[in-house]
């Protein structure tokens, strides 16, 4: 039980450094990864960390794609 609490505390401390703008996609990815990790052999913490990383990466890719899709401003 102490290991789980220490792991959870480590996750909270490591995620506390991220600002709200940097956490896009992280929460959704962490939830999905945590559930998948739990179902794959009680590795919910590892799944949540991996899900956060993947969710953040996918949100960044989506933002870059949306920025490229906007038309360039017209110069006069």
Protein backbone atom coordinates (compact mmCIF):
# COMPACT_ATOMS: atom_id res chain seq x y z
CA UNK A 1 0.00 0.00 0.00
CA UNK A 2 2.89 2.35 0.74
CA UNK A 3 4.31 1.76 -2.74
CA UNK A 4 1.02 2.76 -4.36
CA UNK A 5 0.78 5.89 -2.23
CA UNK A 6 4.40 6.80 -3.03
CA UNK A 7 3.79 6.23 -6.74
CA UNK A 8 0.67 8.37 -6.67
CA UNK A 9 2.50 11.11 -4.83
CA UNK A 10 5.33 10.98 -7.40
CA UNK A 11 2.81 11.36 -10.22
CA UNK A 12 1.12 14.32 -8.55
CA UNK A 13 4.44 16.04 -7.88
CA UNK A 14 5.70 15.46 -11.42
CA UNK A 15 2.47 16.74 -12.95
CA UNK A 16 2.36 19.77 -10.66
CA UNK A 17 5.14 21.35 -12.71
CA UNK A 18 2.94 21.54 -15.81
CA UNK A 19 0.89 24.67 -16.33
CA UNK A 20 -2.74 24.53 -17.35
CA UNK A 21 -1.86 25.37 -20.95
CA UNK A 22 0.70 22.57 -21.09
CA UNK A 23 -1.70 19.92 -19.84
CA UNK A 24 -3.90 19.78 -22.94
CA UNK A 25 -4.73 16.16 -23.64
CA UNK A 26 -2.95 14.95 -20.52
CA UNK A 27 -5.99 14.40 -18.32
CA UNK A 28 -7.97 12.50 -20.92
CA UNK A 29 -4.92 10.41 -21.83
CA UNK A 30 -4.14 9.72 -18.18
CA UNK A 31 -7.66 8.46 -17.51
CA UNK A 32 -7.66 6.20 -20.57
CA UNK A 33 -4.12 5.00 -19.88
CA UNK A 34 -4.89 4.36 -16.22
CA UNK A 35 -7.91 2.24 -17.04
CA UNK A 36 -6.03 0.35 -19.75
CA UNK A 37 -3.07 -0.19 -17.42
CA UNK A 38 -5.33 -1.45 -14.66
CA UNK A 39 -7.00 -3.92 -16.98
CA UNK A 40 -3.64 -5.04 -18.37
CA UNK A 41 -2.32 -6.27 -15.05
CA UNK A 42 -2.78 -3.64 -12.35
CA UNK A 43 -0.32 -1.14 -13.84
CA UNK A 44 -2.64 1.86 -13.60
CA UNK A 45 0.06 4.36 -12.59
CA UNK A 46 2.33 3.41 -15.46
CA UNK A 47 -0.63 3.52 -17.83
CA UNK A 48 -1.67 6.94 -16.57
CA UNK A 49 1.83 8.36 -17.06
CA UNK A 50 2.07 6.90 -20.55
CA UNK A 51 -1.46 8.01 -21.39
CA UNK A 52 -0.66 11.54 -20.27
CA UNK A 53 2.41 11.66 -22.50
CA UNK A 54 0.54 10.27 -25.50
CA UNK A 55 -2.49 12.52 -24.93
CA UNK A 56 -0.27 15.60 -24.67
CA UNK A 57 1.55 14.63 -27.88
CA UNK A 58 -1.71 14.05 -29.77
CA UNK A 59 -3.13 17.38 -28.57
CA UNK A 60 0.01 19.13 -29.78
CA UNK A 61 -0.26 17.45 -33.20
CA UNK A 62 -3.91 18.52 -33.43
CA UNK A 63 -3.00 22.12 -32.56
CA UNK A 64 -0.23 22.19 -35.19
CA UNK A 65 -2.58 20.76 -37.81
CA UNK A 66 -5.25 23.35 -36.94
CA UNK A 67 -2.71 26.16 -37.15
CA UNK A 68 -1.62 25.01 -40.61
CA UNK A 69 -5.22 24.85 -41.81
CA UNK A 70 -5.86 28.53 -41.10
CA UNK A 71 -5.38 30.80 -44.10
CA UNK A 72 -2.46 33.20 -44.06
CA UNK A 73 -3.30 36.82 -43.24
CA UNK A 74 -3.65 39.14 -46.23
CA UNK A 75 -0.99 41.87 -46.42
CA UNK A 76 -1.92 45.26 -47.80
